Amino acid sequence: MLAFTNSLEKNSPTIIGAGCSLTGDIKTDHIVQIHGIVHGNITADTVVIGRGGRVVGRITAENLFLHGELDGPATVSTANMFSAAKMSGTLSYRTINITGNTGLECKLAKRKDKKDE
């Protein structure tokens, strides 16, 4: 059964399904789930790149859950990297969680809050 949203629902996720390819930028205040391929920049509260998902572009988000591939930089508050994760580029983060043996070949840059300086 499919669930449909209406104009009263303000928290519906944006989902790029497996087998789908999108060229262009995505900007939302909510969740973006990528199970296909996106060539473009993503700005969202939470970005989930599932296994088999791939993003070629920049990610700006509060939360990143990376199970798939990211080819590009990411600026996030919390990065969650899982065993199948692959990333190239620069990961700028406040908190990072790494689970398992990921394929990270990226530069890590810890962000500081102004109150920490």
N, C-alpha and C. Protein backbone atom coordinates (compact mmCIF):
# COMPACT_ATOMS: atom_id res chain seq x y z
N MET A 1 0.85 -1.17 0.00
CA MET A 1 0.00 0.00 0.00
C MET A 1 0.89 1.23 0.00
N LEU A 2 0.54 2.20 -0.79
CA LEU A 2 1.29 3.44 -0.86
C LEU A 2 0.69 4.47 0.07
N ALA A 3 1.54 5.26 0.68
CA ALA A 3 1.07 6.35 1.53
C ALA A 3 1.27 7.65 0.79
N PHE A 4 0.24 8.45 0.74
CA PHE A 4 0.31 9.73 0.07
C PHE A 4 0.26 10.85 1.10
N THR A 5 0.91 11.94 0.82
CA THR A 5 0.89 13.07 1.72
C THR A 5 -0.02 14.15 1.13
N ASN A 6 -0.41 15.07 1.97
CA ASN A 6 -1.20 16.19 1.49
C ASN A 6 -0.58 17.48 2.00
N SER A 7 -1.17 18.60 1.66
CA SER A 7 -0.59 19.89 2.00
C SER A 7 -0.55 20.15 3.51
N LEU A 8 -1.31 19.40 4.29
CA LEU A 8 -1.30 19.58 5.74
C LEU A 8 -0.12 18.88 6.40
N GLU A 9 0.48 17.92 5.72
CA GLU A 9 1.62 17.20 6.26
C GLU A 9 2.89 17.94 5.89
N LYS A 10 3.57 18.44 6.89
CA LYS A 10 4.74 19.28 6.64
C LYS A 10 6.07 18.54 6.80
N ASN A 11 6.04 17.27 7.17
CA ASN A 11 7.27 16.54 7.43
C ASN A 11 7.50 15.37 6.49
N SER A 12 6.94 15.38 5.30
CA SER A 12 7.12 14.25 4.40
C SER A 12 8.55 14.22 3.87
N PRO A 13 9.15 13.03 3.82
CA PRO A 13 10.53 12.91 3.33
C PRO A 13 10.59 13.00 1.80
N THR A 14 11.75 13.37 1.32
CA THR A 14 12.03 13.31 -0.11
C THR A 14 12.80 12.03 -0.34
N ILE A 15 12.31 11.17 -1.23
CA ILE A 15 12.93 9.87 -1.45
C ILE A 15 13.28 9.71 -2.93
N ILE A 16 14.54 9.40 -3.19
CA ILE A 16 15.00 9.04 -4.53
C ILE A 16 15.21 7.53 -4.48
N GLY A 17 14.33 6.81 -5.11
CA GLY A 17 14.32 5.35 -5.01
C GLY A 17 15.41 4.66 -5.80
N ALA A 18 15.64 3.40 -5.48
CA ALA A 18 16.60 2.58 -6.21
C ALA A 18 16.20 2.53 -7.67
N GLY A 19 17.18 2.65 -8.55
CA GLY A 19 16.92 2.64 -9.98
C GLY A 19 16.59 4.01 -10.54
N CYS A 20 16.45 5.00 -9.67
CA CYS A 20 16.13 6.37 -10.09
C CYS A 20 17.41 7.20 -10.13
N SER A 21 17.51 8.08 -11.12
CA SER A 21 18.66 8.97 -11.25
C SER A 21 18.14 10.39 -11.36
N LEU A 22 18.73 11.30 -10.58
CA LEU A 22 18.30 12.69 -10.56
C LEU A 22 19.51 13.59 -10.78
N THR A 23 19.39 14.54 -11.68
CA THR A 23 20.42 15.56 -11.87
C THR A 23 19.81 16.88 -11.47
N GLY A 24 20.36 17.49 -10.43
CA GLY A 24 19.84 18.76 -9.92
C GLY A 24 19.99 18.82 -8.42
N ASP A 25 19.77 20.00 -7.87
CA ASP A 25 19.92 20.21 -6.44
C ASP A 25 18.62 19.93 -5.69
N ILE A 26 18.75 19.50 -4.43
CA ILE A 26 17.61 19.26 -3.55
C ILE A 26 17.79 20.15 -2.33
N LYS A 27 16.75 20.90 -1.98
CA LYS A 27 16.79 21.75 -0.79
C LYS A 27 15.48 21.60 -0.04
N THR A 28 15.57 21.17 1.23
CA THR A 28 14.39 20.97 2.05
C THR A 28 14.76 21.12 3.52
N ASP A 29 13.76 21.34 4.37
CA ASP A 29 13.98 21.43 5.82
C ASP A 29 13.82 20.08 6.48
N HIS A 30 13.56 19.04 5.70
CA HIS A 30 13.22 17.74 6.27
C HIS A 30 14.25 16.67 5.88
N ILE A 31 13.79 15.44 5.77
CA ILE A 31 14.65 14.29 5.49
C ILE A 31 14.72 14.03 3.99
N VAL A 32 15.93 13.70 3.54
CA VAL A 32 16.13 13.24 2.17
C VAL A 32 16.74 11.85 2.23
N GLN A 33 16.11 10.89 1.55
CA GLN A 33 16.62 9.52 1.49
C GLN A 33 17.03 9.25 0.05
N ILE A 34 18.27 8.79 -0.13
CA ILE A 34 18.79 8.50 -1.45
C ILE A 34 19.07 7.01 -1.55
N HIS A 35 18.37 6.34 -2.45
CA HIS A 35 18.61 4.92 -2.71
C HIS A 35 19.02 4.72 -4.16
N GLY A 36 18.92 5.78 -4.94
CA GLY A 36 19.34 5.78 -6.34
C GLY A 36 20.58 6.65 -6.49
N ILE A 37 20.63 7.45 -7.55
CA ILE A 37 21.81 8.28 -7.83
C ILE A 37 21.38 9.74 -7.96
N VAL A 38 22.10 10.64 -7.28
CA VAL A 38 21.86 12.07 -7.39
C VAL A 38 23.15 12.74 -7.81
N HIS A 39 23.08 13.52 -8.89
CA HIS A 39 24.18 14.37 -9.31
C HIS A 39 23.74 15.80 -9.01
N GLY A 40 24.14 16.31 -7.86
CA GLY A 40 23.74 17.64 -7.45
C GLY A 40 23.97 17.82 -5.97
N ASN A 41 23.72 19.02 -5.49
CA ASN A 41 23.92 19.36 -4.09
C ASN A 41 22.64 19.12 -3.30
N ILE A 42 22.81 18.71 -2.03
CA ILE A 42 21.66 18.44 -1.18
C ILE A 42 21.79 19.27 0.09
N THR A 43 20.75 20.03 0.41
CA THR A 43 20.66 20.78 1.66
C THR A 43 19.40 20.31 2.36
N ALA A 44 19.54 19.77 3.58
CA ALA A 44 18.39 19.21 4.29
C ALA A 44 18.72 19.12 5.77
N ASP A 45 17.69 18.83 6.57
CA ASP A 45 17.93 18.58 7.99
C ASP A 45 18.68 17.26 8.16
N THR A 46 18.20 16.22 7.50
CA THR A 46 18.81 14.89 7.59
C THR A 46 18.93 14.30 6.19
N VAL A 47 20.12 13.75 5.89
CA VAL A 47 20.35 13.08 4.62
C VAL A 47 20.73 11.63 4.92
N VAL A 48 20.00 10.71 4.31
CA VAL A 48 20.28 9.28 4.44
C VAL A 48 20.65 8.78 3.04
N ILE A 49 21.87 8.27 2.90
CA ILE A 49 22.28 7.64 1.64
C ILE A 49 22.34 6.14 1.92
N GLY A 50 21.37 5.43 1.38
CA GLY A 50 21.25 4.00 1.64
C GLY A 50 22.26 3.18 0.86
N ARG A 51 22.35 1.89 1.19
CA ARG A 51 23.21 0.98 0.42
C ARG A 51 22.74 0.99 -1.02
N GLY A 52 23.64 1.15 -1.92
CA GLY A 52 23.28 1.26 -3.33
C GLY A 52 23.00 2.68 -3.75
N GLY A 53 22.86 3.59 -2.79
CA GLY A 53 22.65 5.00 -3.09
C GLY A 53 23.97 5.70 -3.35
N ARG A 54 23.93 6.73 -4.21
CA ARG A 54 25.17 7.46 -4.53
C ARG A 54 24.83 8.92 -4.77
N VAL A 55 25.63 9.80 -4.17
CA VAL A 55 25.50 11.24 -4.38
C VAL A 55 26.83 11.76 -4.89
N VAL A 56 26.76 12.51 -5.99
CA VAL A 56 27.92 13.21 -6.52
C VAL A 56 27.59 14.69 -6.37
N GLY A 57 28.14 15.31 -5.33
CA GLY A 57 27.83 16.70 -5.05
C GLY A 57 28.07 17.02 -3.59
N ARG A 58 27.70 18.22 -3.20
CA ARG A 58 27.91 18.72 -1.84
C ARG A 58 26.67 18.44 -0.98
N ILE A 59 26.92 18.04 0.29
CA ILE A 59 25.83 17.85 1.24
C ILE A 59 26.01 18.82 2.39
N THR A 60 24.92 19.50 2.74
CA THR A 60 24.87 20.38 3.90
C THR A 60 23.67 19.93 4.71
N ALA A 61 23.91 19.46 5.96
CA ALA A 61 22.81 18.91 6.76
C ALA A 61 23.19 18.91 8.24
N GLU A 62 22.17 18.79 9.07
CA GLU A 62 22.41 18.58 10.49
C GLU A 62 22.91 17.16 10.72
N ASN A 63 22.28 16.19 10.06
CA ASN A 63 22.59 14.77 10.26
C ASN A 63 22.84 14.09 8.93
N LEU A 64 23.88 13.28 8.88
CA LEU A 64 24.19 12.46 7.71
C LEU A 64 24.29 11.01 8.15
N PHE A 65 23.55 10.14 7.47
CA PHE A 65 23.63 8.70 7.67
C PHE A 65 24.12 8.12 6.35
N LEU A 66 25.38 7.68 6.32
CA LEU A 66 25.98 7.21 5.08
C LEU A 66 26.18 5.70 5.10
N HIS A 67 25.37 5.02 4.29
CA HIS A 67 25.50 3.58 4.07
C HIS A 67 26.05 3.33 2.67
N GLY A 68 25.83 4.26 1.76
CA GLY A 68 26.22 4.13 0.37
C GLY A 68 27.46 4.96 0.05
N GLU A 69 27.40 5.71 -1.09
CA GLU A 69 28.57 6.44 -1.57
C GLU A 69 28.30 7.94 -1.65
N LEU A 70 29.31 8.71 -1.26
CA LEU A 70 29.28 10.16 -1.40
C LEU A 70 30.58 10.60 -2.04
N ASP A 71 30.46 11.22 -3.20
CA ASP A 71 31.62 11.75 -3.92
C ASP A 71 31.49 13.27 -3.91
N GLY A 72 32.03 13.86 -2.86
CA GLY A 72 31.94 15.30 -2.72
C GLY A 72 32.04 15.68 -1.26
N PRO A 73 32.11 16.96 -0.97
CA PRO A 73 32.24 17.40 0.41
C PRO A 73 30.91 17.36 1.16
N ALA A 74 31.00 17.29 2.48
CA ALA A 74 29.81 17.34 3.34
C ALA A 74 30.11 18.20 4.55
N THR A 75 29.16 19.06 4.89
CA THR A 75 29.24 19.88 6.10
C THR A 75 28.02 19.52 6.94
N VAL A 76 28.27 18.86 8.09
CA VAL A 76 27.19 18.34 8.91
C VAL A 76 27.50 18.58 10.39
N SER A 77 26.46 18.47 11.21
CA SER A 77 26.68 18.49 12.65
C SER A 77 27.07 17.10 13.13
N THR A 78 26.28 16.09 12.73
CA THR A 78 26.55 14.71 13.14
C THR A 78 26.65 13.83 11.91
N ALA A 79 27.77 13.12 11.79
CA ALA A 79 27.99 12.18 10.69
C ALA A 79 27.96 10.77 11.24
N ASN A 80 27.15 9.93 10.65
CA ASN A 80 27.05 8.51 11.02
C ASN A 80 27.48 7.70 9.81
N MET A 81 28.62 7.04 9.91
CA MET A 81 29.20 6.31 8.79
C MET A 81 29.12 4.81 9.10
N PHE A 82 28.53 4.06 8.18
CA PHE A 82 28.30 2.64 8.41
C PHE A 82 29.23 1.78 7.56
N SER A 83 29.21 0.47 7.77
CA SER A 83 30.23 -0.43 7.23
C SER A 83 30.37 -0.39 5.71
N ALA A 84 29.31 -0.15 4.97
CA ALA A 84 29.41 -0.13 3.51
C ALA A 84 29.69 1.28 2.96
N ALA A 85 29.84 2.25 3.84
CA ALA A 85 30.01 3.65 3.41
C ALA A 85 31.31 3.88 2.65
N LYS A 86 31.19 4.69 1.59
CA LYS A 86 32.36 5.12 0.83
C LYS A 86 32.23 6.63 0.63
N MET A 87 33.32 7.34 0.87
CA MET A 87 33.28 8.79 0.71
C MET A 87 34.62 9.32 0.28
N SER A 88 34.58 10.27 -0.66
CA SER A 88 35.77 11.04 -1.01
C SER A 88 35.38 12.50 -0.88
N GLY A 89 36.33 13.36 -0.65
CA GLY A 89 36.04 14.78 -0.42
C GLY A 89 36.39 15.13 1.01
N THR A 90 35.86 16.23 1.50
CA THR A 90 36.12 16.67 2.87
C THR A 90 34.84 16.55 3.69
N LEU A 91 34.95 15.89 4.84
CA LEU A 91 33.83 15.77 5.77
C LEU A 91 34.07 16.73 6.92
N SER A 92 33.26 17.78 6.99
CA SER A 92 33.33 18.76 8.07
C SER A 92 32.20 18.43 9.04
N TYR A 93 32.53 18.13 10.32
CA TYR A 93 31.55 17.61 11.26
C TYR A 93 31.79 18.16 12.66
N ARG A 94 30.78 18.05 13.52
CA ARG A 94 30.95 18.33 14.96
C ARG A 94 31.10 17.01 15.72
N THR A 95 30.29 16.01 15.33
CA THR A 95 30.33 14.69 15.95
C THR A 95 30.35 13.66 14.83
N ILE A 96 31.21 12.62 15.00
CA ILE A 96 31.26 11.56 13.99
C ILE A 96 31.15 10.21 14.68
N ASN A 97 30.35 9.33 14.09
CA ASN A 97 30.19 7.96 14.56
C ASN A 97 30.53 7.04 13.39
N ILE A 98 31.52 6.17 13.59
CA ILE A 98 31.93 5.25 12.54
C ILE A 98 31.68 3.83 13.01
N THR A 99 30.90 3.08 12.23
CA THR A 99 30.57 1.71 12.57
C THR A 99 31.19 0.79 11.52
N GLY A 100 32.03 -0.12 11.94
CA GLY A 100 32.60 -1.09 11.00
C GLY A 100 33.74 -0.51 10.17
N ASN A 101 34.11 -1.26 9.16
CA ASN A 101 35.23 -0.92 8.29
C ASN A 101 34.71 -0.20 7.06
N THR A 102 34.66 1.12 7.11
CA THR A 102 34.12 1.90 6.01
C THR A 102 35.20 2.16 4.96
N GLY A 103 34.78 2.59 3.79
CA GLY A 103 35.70 2.93 2.71
C GLY A 103 35.89 4.44 2.62
N LEU A 104 36.20 5.04 3.75
CA LEU A 104 36.37 6.49 3.76
C LEU A 104 37.76 6.86 3.26
N GLU A 105 37.79 7.66 2.21
CA GLU A 105 39.04 8.19 1.67
C GLU A 105 38.88 9.70 1.59
N CYS A 106 38.51 10.27 2.72
CA CYS A 106 38.20 11.69 2.74
C CYS A 106 39.02 12.39 3.82
N LYS A 107 39.05 13.69 3.72
CA LYS A 107 39.68 14.52 4.73
C LYS A 107 38.65 14.79 5.81
N LEU A 108 39.02 14.61 7.07
CA LEU A 108 38.12 14.89 8.18
C LEU A 108 38.47 16.24 8.78
N ALA A 109 37.48 17.10 8.97
CA ALA A 109 37.69 18.43 9.54
C ALA A 109 36.67 18.65 10.64
N LYS A 110 37.13 18.60 11.90
CA LYS A 110 36.24 18.82 13.05
C LYS A 110 35.84 20.27 13.12
N ARG A 111 34.51 20.53 13.16
CA ARG A 111 33.98 21.87 13.28
C ARG A 111 33.91 22.26 14.73
N LYS A 112 34.12 23.53 14.99
CA LYS A 112 34.02 24.05 16.36
C LYS A 112 32.88 25.05 16.43
N ASP A 113 32.15 24.96 17.52
CA ASP A 113 31.15 25.98 17.78
C ASP A 113 31.86 27.23 18.24
N LYS A 114 31.27 28.38 18.01
CA LYS A 114 31.89 29.63 18.44
C LYS A 114 32.09 29.65 19.95
N LYS A 115 31.19 29.00 20.71
CA LYS A 115 31.33 28.96 22.16
C LYS A 115 32.51 28.10 22.60
N ASP A 116 33.00 27.18 21.73
CA ASP A 116 34.14 26.32 22.05
C ASP A 116 35.47 27.04 21.87
N GLU A 117 35.46 28.15 21.15
CA GLU A 117 36.73 28.83 20.84
C GLU A 117 37.21 29.66 21.98
